[in-house]
C-alpha atoms as a PDB file:
ATOM      1  CA  MET A   1     -47.211  30.902  -2.661  1.00  0.00           C
ATOM      2  CA  ASN A   2     -47.355  34.426  -2.584  1.00  0.00           C
ATOM      3  CA  MET A   3     -51.244  34.377  -1.866  1.00  0.00           C
ATOM      4  CA  MET A   4     -50.793  32.284   0.898  1.00  0.00           C
ATOM      5  CA  LYS A   5     -48.066  34.107   2.459  1.00  0.00           C
ATOM      6  CA  SER A   6     -50.439  37.246   1.943  1.00  0.00           C
ATOM      7  CA  ILE A   7     -53.192  35.185   3.774  1.00  0.00           C
ATOM      8  CA  TRP A   8     -50.880  34.162   6.422  1.00  0.00           C
ATOM      9  CA  GLN A   9     -49.918  37.778   6.956  1.00  0.00           C
ATOM     10  CA  GLN A  10     -53.343  39.079   7.426  1.00  0.00           C
ATOM     11  CA  LEU A  11     -54.294  36.374   9.608  1.00  0.00           C
ATOM     12  CA  ALA A  12     -51.199  37.341  11.879  1.00  0.00           C
ATOM     13  CA  VAL A  13     -52.512  40.999  11.733  1.00  0.00           C
ATOM     14  CA  MET A  14     -55.985  40.255  12.879  1.00  0.00           C
ATOM     15  CA  ALA A  15     -54.634  37.935  15.603  1.00  0.00           C
ATOM     16  CA  MET A  16     -52.325  40.628  16.832  1.00  0.00           C
ATOM     17  CA  ILE A  17     -55.629  42.923  16.760  1.00  0.00           C
ATOM     18  CA  ILE A  18     -57.732  40.450  18.809  1.00  0.00           C
ATOM     19  CA  MET A  19     -54.418  40.004  21.414  1.00  0.00           C
ATOM     20  CA  VAL A  20     -54.195  43.664  21.841  1.00  0.00           C
ATOM     21  CA  SER A  21     -57.901  44.447  22.202  1.00  0.00           C
ATOM     22  CA  GLY A  22     -58.362  41.558  24.506  1.00  0.00           C
ATOM     23  CA  CYS A  23     -55.084  42.856  26.696  1.00  0.00           C
ATOM     24  CA  SER A  24     -57.127  46.279  26.756  1.00  0.00           C
ATOM     25  CA  LEU A  25     -60.051  45.090  28.158  1.00  0.00           C
ATOM     26  CA  PHE A  26     -58.223  43.006  30.568  1.00  0.00           C
ATOM     27  CA  THR A  27     -56.475  45.931  31.943  1.00  0.00           C
ATOM     28  CA  GLY A  28     -59.454  47.989  32.032  1.00  0.00           C
ATOM     29  CA  SER A  29     -61.250  45.284  34.234  1.00  0.00           C
ATOM     30  CA  GLN A  30     -58.148  45.116  36.365  1.00  0.00           C
ATOM     31  CA  SER A  31     -58.382  49.153  36.910  1.00  0.00           C
ATOM     32  CA  ASP A  32     -62.181  48.734  37.820  1.00  0.00           C
ATOM     33  CA  SER A  33     -61.473  46.622  40.392  1.00  0.00           C
ATOM     34  CA  ALA A  34     -58.602  48.517  41.841  1.00  0.00           C
ATOM     35  CA  ARG A  35     -60.601  51.477  42.640  1.00  0.00           C
ATOM     36  CA  VAL A  36     -62.309  51.985  46.086  1.00  0.00           C
ATOM     37  CA  ASP A  37     -65.807  51.171  46.483  1.00  0.00           C
ATOM     38  CA  LYS A  38     -68.704  50.633  48.885  1.00  0.00           C
ATOM     39  CA  ASN A  39     -67.677  47.055  49.418  1.00  0.00           C
ATOM     40  CA  ASN A  40     -64.472  48.130  50.689  1.00  0.00           C
ATOM     41  CA  VAL A  41     -63.394  48.663  54.386  1.00  0.00           C
ATOM     42  CA  ILE A  42     -61.900  51.984  54.764  1.00  0.00           C
ATOM     43  CA  LEU A  43     -59.576  52.740  57.721  1.00  0.00           C
ATOM     44  CA  VAL A  44     -59.607  56.399  59.155  1.00  0.00           C
ATOM     45  CA  VAL A  45     -56.646  56.845  61.541  1.00  0.00           C
ATOM     46  CA  GLY A  46     -56.960  60.011  63.645  1.00  0.00           C
ATOM     47  CA  ALA A  47     -60.757  59.318  63.711  1.00  0.00           C
ATOM     48  CA  THR A  48     -61.404  61.428  66.802  1.00  0.00           C
ATOM     49  CA  GLY A  49     -59.634  64.387  65.785  1.00  0.00           C
ATOM     50  CA  LYS A  50     -61.909  67.369  64.445  1.00  0.00           C
ATOM     51  CA  THR A  51     -61.134  66.494  60.711  1.00  0.00           C
ATOM     52  CA  GLY A  52     -61.260  62.957  61.170  1.00  0.00           C
ATOM     53  CA  ARG A  53     -64.462  62.525  63.011  1.00  0.00           C
ATOM     54  CA  LEU A  54     -66.161  64.521  59.764  1.00  0.00           C
ATOM     55  CA  ILE A  55     -64.512  62.142  57.367  1.00  0.00           C
ATOM     56  CA  VAL A  56     -65.861  59.240  59.415  1.00  0.00           C
ATOM     57  CA  ALA A  57     -69.238  60.720  59.576  1.00  0.00           C
ATOM     58  CA  ASP A  58     -69.475  61.504  55.743  1.00  0.00           C
ATOM     59  CA  LEU A  59     -68.318  58.156  54.848  1.00  0.00           C
ATOM     60  CA  GLN A  60     -70.900  56.688  56.776  1.00  0.00           C
ATOM     61  CA  GLN A  61     -73.500  58.937  55.432  1.00  0.00           C
ATOM     62  CA  GLN A  62     -72.250  57.935  51.857  1.00  0.00           C
ATOM     63  CA  GLY A  63     -72.659  54.284  52.650  1.00  0.00           C
ATOM     64  CA  PHE A  64     -69.303  53.138  52.685  1.00  0.00           C
ATOM     65  CA  GLN A  65     -67.789  50.522  55.464  1.00  0.00           C
ATOM     66  CA  VAL A  66     -65.873  52.445  57.789  1.00  0.00           C
ATOM     67  CA  ARG A  67     -63.223  51.368  60.527  1.00  0.00           C
ATOM     68  CA  ALA A  68     -62.399  54.199  62.879  1.00  0.00           C
ATOM     69  CA  MET A  69     -58.954  53.869  64.462  1.00  0.00           C
ATOM     70  CA  VAL A  70     -58.793  55.128  68.306  1.00  0.00           C
ATOM     71  CA  ARG A  71     -56.108  54.888  70.880  1.00  0.00           C
ATOM     72  CA  ASP A  72     -59.064  54.744  73.676  1.00  0.00           C
ATOM     73  CA  SER A  73     -62.216  53.006  72.828  1.00  0.00           C
ATOM     74  CA  GLU A  74     -64.095  54.306  75.458  1.00  0.00           C
ATOM     75  CA  ARG A  75     -63.248  58.173  74.194  1.00  0.00           C
ATOM     76  CA  GLY A  76     -63.672  57.013  70.568  1.00  0.00           C
ATOM     77  CA  ARG A  77     -67.250  55.793  71.555  1.00  0.00           C
ATOM     78  CA  GLU A  78     -68.155  59.051  72.942  1.00  0.00           C
ATOM     79  CA  ILE A  79     -66.925  60.986  70.308  1.00  0.00           C
ATOM     80  CA  LEU A  80     -68.146  58.828  67.314  1.00  0.00           C
ATOM     81  CA  GLY A  81     -71.225  57.348  68.505  1.00  0.00           C
ATOM     82  CA  GLU A  82     -72.627  53.631  68.970  1.00  0.00           C
ATOM     83  CA  ASP A  83     -72.861  52.740  65.425  1.00  0.00           C
ATOM     84  CA  VAL A  84     -69.458  53.091  64.440  1.00  0.00           C
ATOM     85  CA  ASN A  85     -67.086  50.450  64.024  1.00  0.00           C
ATOM     86  CA  LEU A  86     -64.016  50.995  66.163  1.00  0.00           C
ATOM     87  CA  VAL A  87     -60.598  49.395  66.288  1.00  0.00           C
ATOM     88  CA  GLN A  88     -58.019  50.196  69.170  1.00  0.00           C
ATOM     89  CA  ALA A  89     -54.534  50.896  67.856  1.00  0.00           C
ATOM     90  CA  ASP A  90     -51.721  53.328  68.293  1.00  0.00           C
ATOM     91  CA  LEU A  91     -49.911  54.605  65.250  1.00  0.00           C
ATOM     92  CA  THR A  92     -46.574  54.711  67.685  1.00  0.00           C
ATOM     93  CA  VAL A  93     -46.803  51.051  68.521  1.00  0.00           C
ATOM     94  CA  ALA A  94     -46.301  49.047  65.406  1.00  0.00           C
ATOM     95  CA  ALA A  95     -47.357  45.982  67.199  1.00  0.00           C
ATOM     96  CA  THR A  96     -50.887  47.273  67.401  1.00  0.00           C
ATOM     97  CA  LEU A  97     -51.363  48.050  63.639  1.00  0.00           C
ATOM     98  CA  PRO A  98     -51.646  44.832  61.786  1.00  0.00           C
ATOM     99  CA  ALA A  99     -55.033  44.165  63.359  1.00  0.00           C
ATOM    100  CA  ALA A 100     -56.474  47.389  62.842  1.00  0.00           C
ATOM    101  CA  VAL A 101     -55.383  47.009  59.045  1.00  0.00           C
ATOM    102  CA  ALA A 102     -56.505  43.362  58.479  1.00  0.00           C
ATOM    103  CA  GLY A 103     -58.955  43.273  55.497  1.00  0.00           C
ATOM    104  CA  VAL A 104     -58.784  47.038  54.917  1.00  0.00           C
ATOM    105  CA  SER A 105     -58.853  48.372  51.383  1.00  0.00           C
ATOM    106  CA  ALA A 106     -57.847  52.126  51.632  1.00  0.00           C
ATOM    107  CA  ILE A 107     -56.530  54.016  54.518  1.00  0.00           C
ATOM    108  CA  ILE A 108     -57.223  57.701  55.232  1.00  0.00           C
ATOM    109  CA  ASN A 109     -54.685  59.321  57.688  1.00  0.00           C
ATOM    110  CA  ALA A 110     -56.044  62.226  59.379  1.00  0.00           C
ATOM    111  CA  ALA A 111     -53.502  61.994  62.626  1.00  0.00           C
ATOM    112  CA  GLY A 112     -51.620  64.933  63.563  1.00  0.00           C
ATOM    113  CA  ALA A 113     -49.419  65.722  66.782  1.00  0.00           C
ATOM    114  CA  GLY A 114     -50.639  68.354  68.862  1.00  0.00           C
ATOM    115  CA  LEU A 115     -48.673  71.779  69.141  1.00  0.00           C
ATOM    116  CA  LYS A 116     -47.010  70.699  72.444  1.00  0.00           C
ATOM    117  CA  GLY A 117     -46.781  67.156  72.589  1.00  0.00           C
ATOM    118  CA  THR A 118     -44.371  65.243  74.627  1.00  0.00           C
ATOM    119  CA  GLY A 119     -42.865  61.785  74.617  1.00  0.00           C
ATOM    120  CA  LYS A 120     -44.441  59.668  71.658  1.00  0.00           C
ATOM    121  CA  ALA A 121     -47.190  62.511  71.047  1.00  0.00           C
ATOM    122  CA  THR A 122     -44.687  64.481  69.000  1.00  0.00           C
ATOM    123  CA  PRO A 123     -44.631  64.977  65.147  1.00  0.00           C
ATOM    124  CA  GLU A 124     -41.676  62.721  64.963  1.00  0.00           C
ATOM    125  CA  TRP A 125     -43.713  59.757  66.195  1.00  0.00           C
ATOM    126  CA  ILE A 126     -47.082  60.925  64.926  1.00  0.00           C
ATOM    127  CA  ASP A 127     -46.367  62.632  61.338  1.00  0.00           C
ATOM    128  CA  TYR A 128     -43.460  60.590  60.611  1.00  0.00           C
ATOM    129  CA  GLN A 129     -42.877  57.215  62.317  1.00  0.00           C
ATOM    130  CA  GLY A 130     -46.561  56.740  62.495  1.00  0.00           C
ATOM    131  CA  THR A 131     -46.809  56.907  58.731  1.00  0.00           C
ATOM    132  CA  LEU A 132     -43.974  54.423  58.189  1.00  0.00           C
ATOM    133  CA  ASN A 133     -45.614  51.866  60.816  1.00  0.00           C
ATOM    134  CA  LEU A 134     -48.924  52.370  59.054  1.00  0.00           C
ATOM    135  CA  LEU A 135     -47.115  51.426  55.581  1.00  0.00           C
ATOM    136  CA  ALA A 136     -45.372  48.471  56.683  1.00  0.00           C
ATOM    137  CA  ALA A 137     -48.433  47.057  58.387  1.00  0.00           C
ATOM    138  CA  SER A 138     -50.590  47.479  55.397  1.00  0.00           C
ATOM    139  CA  LYS A 139     -48.022  46.049  53.055  1.00  0.00           C
ATOM    140  CA  PRO A 140     -49.512  42.749  53.468  1.00  0.00           C
ATOM    141  CA  GLU A 141     -53.007  44.085  52.616  1.00  0.00           C
ATOM    142  CA  ASN A 142     -52.106  45.302  49.062  1.00  0.00           C
ATOM    143  CA  ILE A 143     -54.388  48.465  49.928  1.00  0.00           C
ATOM    144  CA  LYS A 144     -55.869  50.210  47.015  1.00  0.00           C
ATOM    145  CA  LYS A 145     -55.216  53.782  48.130  1.00  0.00           C
ATOM    146  CA  PHE A 146     -53.830  55.636  50.674  1.00  0.00           C
ATOM    147  CA  VAL A 147     -54.649  59.376  51.478  1.00  0.00           C
ATOM    148  CA  LEU A 148     -52.763  61.342  53.708  1.00  0.00           C
ATOM    149  CA  ILE A 149     -53.734  64.571  55.222  1.00  0.00           C
ATOM    150  CA  SER A 150     -50.433  66.839  55.474  1.00  0.00           C
ATOM    151  CA  SER A 151     -50.245  70.559  55.776  1.00  0.00           C
ATOM    152  CA  MET A 152     -49.499  73.753  53.624  1.00  0.00           C
ATOM    153  CA  GLY A 153     -45.982  74.997  54.522  1.00  0.00           C
ATOM    154  CA  VAL A 154     -44.115  71.639  54.701  1.00  0.00           C
ATOM    155  CA  THR A 155     -41.274  72.744  52.296  1.00  0.00           C
ATOM    156  CA  GLN A 156     -40.814  75.798  54.129  1.00  0.00           C
ATOM    157  CA  PRO A 157     -38.032  75.011  56.659  1.00  0.00           C
ATOM    158  CA  ASP A 158     -38.406  78.413  58.284  1.00  0.00           C
ATOM    159  CA  HIS A 159     -42.179  78.381  58.795  1.00  0.00           C
ATOM    160  CA  PHE A 160     -42.969  79.785  62.469  1.00  0.00           C
ATOM    161  CA  LEU A 161     -44.897  76.391  63.188  1.00  0.00           C
ATOM    162  CA  ASN A 162     -41.463  74.496  62.950  1.00  0.00           C
ATOM    163  CA  ARG A 163     -40.263  77.030  65.762  1.00  0.00           C
ATOM    164  CA  ILE A 164     -43.170  76.467  67.936  1.00  0.00           C
ATOM    165  CA  ALA A 165     -44.373  73.038  67.446  1.00  0.00           C
ATOM    166  CA  ASN A 166     -41.121  70.650  67.476  1.00  0.00           C
ATOM    167  CA  ASN A 167     -40.553  71.164  63.639  1.00  0.00           C
ATOM    168  CA  VAL A 168     -44.040  69.586  62.927  1.00  0.00           C
ATOM    169  CA  LEU A 169     -43.988  70.716  59.331  1.00  0.00           C
ATOM    170  CA  ARG A 170     -40.519  69.083  58.869  1.00  0.00           C
ATOM    171  CA  TRP A 171     -41.702  65.751  59.933  1.00  0.00           C
ATOM    172  CA  LYS A 172     -44.906  66.153  58.254  1.00  0.00           C
ATOM    173  CA  LEU A 173     -43.101  66.487  55.116  1.00  0.00           C
ATOM    174  CA  LYS A 174     -40.951  63.450  56.028  1.00  0.00           C
ATOM    175  CA  GLY A 175     -44.145  61.481  56.409  1.00  0.00           C
ATOM    176  CA  GLU A 176     -45.073  62.530  52.791  1.00  0.00           C
ATOM    177  CA  ASP A 177     -41.882  61.606  51.439  1.00  0.00           C
ATOM    178  CA  ALA A 178     -41.956  58.015  53.126  1.00  0.00           C
ATOM    179  CA  LEU A 179     -45.567  57.754  51.275  1.00  0.00           C
ATOM    180  CA  ARG A 180     -44.297  58.957  47.988  1.00  0.00           C
ATOM    181  CA  ALA A 181     -41.350  56.599  47.907  1.00  0.00           C
ATOM    182  CA  SER A 182     -43.767  53.708  48.697  1.00  0.00           C
ATOM    183  CA  ASP A 183     -45.393  51.442  46.114  1.00  0.00           C
ATOM    184  CA  VAL A 184     -48.678  52.368  47.544  1.00  0.00           C
ATOM    185  CA  ASN A 185     -51.177  54.367  45.192  1.00  0.00           C
ATOM    186  CA  TYR A 186     -51.694  57.648  47.094  1.00  0.00           C
ATOM    187  CA  THR A 187     -53.007  61.053  47.522  1.00  0.00           C
ATOM    188  CA  ILE A 188     -51.452  63.638  49.891  1.00  0.00           C
ATOM    189  CA  VAL A 189     -53.672  66.610  50.573  1.00  0.00           C
ATOM    190  CA  ARG A 190     -52.277  69.759  52.216  1.00  0.00           C
ATOM    191  CA  PRO A 191     -54.784  71.980  53.812  1.00  0.00           C
ATOM    192  CA  GLY A 192     -54.191  75.673  54.693  1.00  0.00           C
ATOM    193  CA  GLY A 193     -55.543  76.985  58.165  1.00  0.00           C
ATOM    194  CA  LEU A 194     -58.226  74.726  59.336  1.00  0.00           C
ATOM    195  CA  THR A 195     -61.302  76.124  60.536  1.00  0.00           C
ATOM    196  CA  ASP A 196     -64.889  75.085  61.786  1.00  0.00           C
ATOM    197  CA  LYS A 197     -66.410  78.498  61.326  1.00  0.00           C
ATOM    198  CA  ALA A 198     -70.068  78.525  59.741  1.00  0.00           C
ATOM    199  CA  GLY A 199     -70.453  81.228  56.656  1.00  0.00           C
ATOM    200  CA  PRO A 200     -71.390  81.463  53.162  1.00  0.00           C
ATOM    201  CA  GLU A 201     -70.796  78.731  50.776  1.00  0.00           C
ATOM    202  CA  GLN A 202     -67.002  78.344  49.759  1.00  0.00           C
ATOM    203  CA  VAL A 203     -65.254  77.063  46.608  1.00  0.00           C
ATOM    204  CA  VAL A 204     -62.112  75.005  47.067  1.00  0.00           C
ATOM    205  CA  GLN A 205     -58.758  76.196  45.478  1.00  0.00           C
ATOM    206  CA  PHE A 206     -56.153  73.956  44.459  1.00  0.00           C
ATOM    207  CA  TYR A 207     -52.390  74.760  44.184  1.00  0.00           C
ATOM    208  CA  GLN A 208     -49.015  72.713  43.826  1.00  0.00           C
ATOM    209  CA  GLY A 209     -45.632  73.726  44.650  1.00  0.00           C
ATOM    210  CA  ASP A 210     -46.199  74.775  48.372  1.00  0.00           C
ATOM    211  CA  THR A 211     -45.820  78.562  47.514  1.00  0.00           C
ATOM    212  CA  LYS A 212     -48.976  80.249  48.832  1.00  0.00           C
ATOM    213  CA  LYS A 213     -49.378  81.186  52.704  1.00  0.00           C
ATOM    214  CA  GLY A 214     -51.918  78.909  54.334  1.00  0.00           C
ATOM    215  CA  GLY A 215     -55.092  80.533  53.932  1.00  0.00           C
ATOM    216  CA  PRO A 216     -58.332  79.231  55.701  1.00  0.00           C
ATOM    217  CA  ILE A 217     -60.222  76.049  54.650  1.00  0.00           C
ATOM    218  CA  ARG A 218     -63.198  74.481  56.542  1.00  0.00           C
ATOM    219  CA  ARG A 219     -62.762  71.022  57.803  1.00  0.00           C
ATOM    220  CA  GLU A 220     -66.050  69.947  55.948  1.00  0.00           C
ATOM    221  CA  ASP A 221     -64.408  70.980  52.859  1.00  0.00           C
ATOM    222  CA  VAL A 222     -61.176  69.023  53.608  1.00  0.00           C
ATOM    223  CA  SER A 223     -63.359  65.997  54.146  1.00  0.00           C
ATOM    224  CA  ARG A 224     -65.037  66.409  50.971  1.00  0.00           C
ATOM    225  CA  VAL A 225     -61.781  66.615  48.988  1.00  0.00           C
ATOM    226  CA  VAL A 226     -60.207  63.792  50.586  1.00  0.00           C
ATOM    227  CA  ILE A 227     -63.204  61.269  50.133  1.00  0.00           C
ATOM    228  CA  ALA A 228     -63.202  62.387  46.602  1.00  0.00           C
ATOM    229  CA  ALA A 229     -59.353  61.802  46.268  1.00  0.00           C
ATOM    230  CA  LEU A 230     -59.872  58.365  47.876  1.00  0.00           C
ATOM    231  CA  LEU A 231     -62.382  57.428  44.966  1.00  0.00           C
ATOM    232  CA  MET A 232     -61.030  59.245  42.009  1.00  0.00           C
ATOM    233  CA  PRO A 233     -58.277  57.949  39.744  1.00  0.00           C
ATOM    234  CA  GLU A 234     -57.725  61.417  38.583  1.00  0.00           C
ATOM    235  CA  ALA A 235     -56.038  62.291  42.308  1.00  0.00           C
ATOM    236  CA  ASP A 236     -53.652  59.204  42.034  1.00  0.00           C
ATOM    237  CA  TYR A 237     -50.220  59.795  42.891  1.00  0.00           C
ATOM    238  CA  LYS A 238     -50.475  63.595  43.411  1.00  0.00           C
ATOM    239  CA  THR A 239     -49.671  66.044  46.137  1.00  0.00           C
ATOM    240  CA  PHE A 240     -51.403  69.718  46.612  1.00  0.00           C
ATOM    241  CA  GLU A 241     -52.561  72.232  48.325  1.00  0.00           C
ATOM    242  CA  VAL A 242     -56.032  73.341  49.341  1.00  0.00           C
ATOM    243  CA  MET A 243     -57.450  76.394  50.696  1.00  0.00           C
ATOM    244  CA  ALA A 244     -61.123  78.059  50.070  1.00  0.00           C
ATOM    245  CA  VAL A 245     -62.889  81.263  49.271  1.00  0.00           C
ATOM    246  CA  VAL A 246     -66.491  82.494  48.951  1.00  0.00           C
ATOM    247  CA  GLY A 247     -67.886  81.057  45.924  1.00  0.00           C
ATOM    248  CA  PRO A 248     -70.197  78.352  44.736  1.00  0.00           C
ATOM    249  CA  ARG A 249     -69.790  74.993  46.528  1.00  0.00           C
ATOM    250  CA  GLU A 250     -68.502  72.074  44.266  1.00  0.00           C
ATOM    251  CA  ASN A 251     -69.408  68.541  44.446  1.00  0.00           C
ATOM    252  CA  ASP A 252     -67.278  67.142  41.670  1.00  0.00           C
ATOM    253  CA  PHE A 253     -63.549  67.681  41.754  1.00  0.00           C
ATOM    254  CA  SER A 254     -62.599  65.131  38.978  1.00  0.00           C
ATOM    255  CA  ALA A 255     -61.704  68.134  36.567  1.00  0.00           C
ATOM    256  CA  ARG A 256     -59.918  69.650  39.194  1.00  0.00           C
ATOM    257  CA  PHE A 257     -57.960  66.732  40.129  1.00  0.00           C
ATOM    258  CA  SER A 258     -57.093  65.917  36.292  1.00  0.00           C
ATOM    259  CA  GLN A 259     -55.640  69.698  35.797  1.00  0.00           C
ATOM    260  CA  LEU A 260     -52.860  68.676  38.630  1.00  0.00           C
ATOM    261  CA  LYS A 261     -49.602  67.346  38.055  1.00  0.00           C
ATOM    262  CA  ALA A 262     -48.697  63.747  39.269  1.00  0.00           C
ATOM    263  CA  ASP A 263     -45.599  63.170  41.411  1.00  0.00           C
ATOM    264  CA  LYS A 264     -44.574  60.183  39.403  1.00  0.00           C
END
């Protein structure tokens, strides 16, 4: 009797090991399928901006399927060229967005209001309400990743940009908060002062806490960080600042992302 009991106990343990192993394998495959890859369509919002157009070009060069969202198709074609898949939509007009996000697996939001925008071309509408509209429109698509380009200084209410640019950093922070509060996998990248100036190789510096002054970073480096964050699970649910200094160029940010603290 005791022998039979022992055999049944051993069988139960073996069954549990098999079940746990099977679950682990299944979870692993789910994780792999949840990653962005070259079979997925990536929507770039703000595609005609100086940073957005670099992101579009870099994604295309790497073989990704890109959909560039523009407010004006003719202008978008002039800036982005003939071989880019364009979709005409407006962040501030929610009804235009479902068609833009249909079939999309990931979103990179590089849109930002100008310093002197009026009407709906203001930070409240572009940086905050626009993010809300995108999140709402993309919910039925169950997107894999949403990467938002924000800015250093968003947690500093007395920052001079708030005084001269319609509280732009306050509204960017509200857009960030909306994304963090959603159930979407995300990364929020806060660049320092953006520049297009050429020069020696630069190494990207990563920070958290928004305590640094906004040192410069080239848009081309922001594009590299954003695309890496889109693809790497090490960047999931993280918010961080980026600047750059002269140094050897990095092409693999996975270790740097791993060192950052997740928001949740």
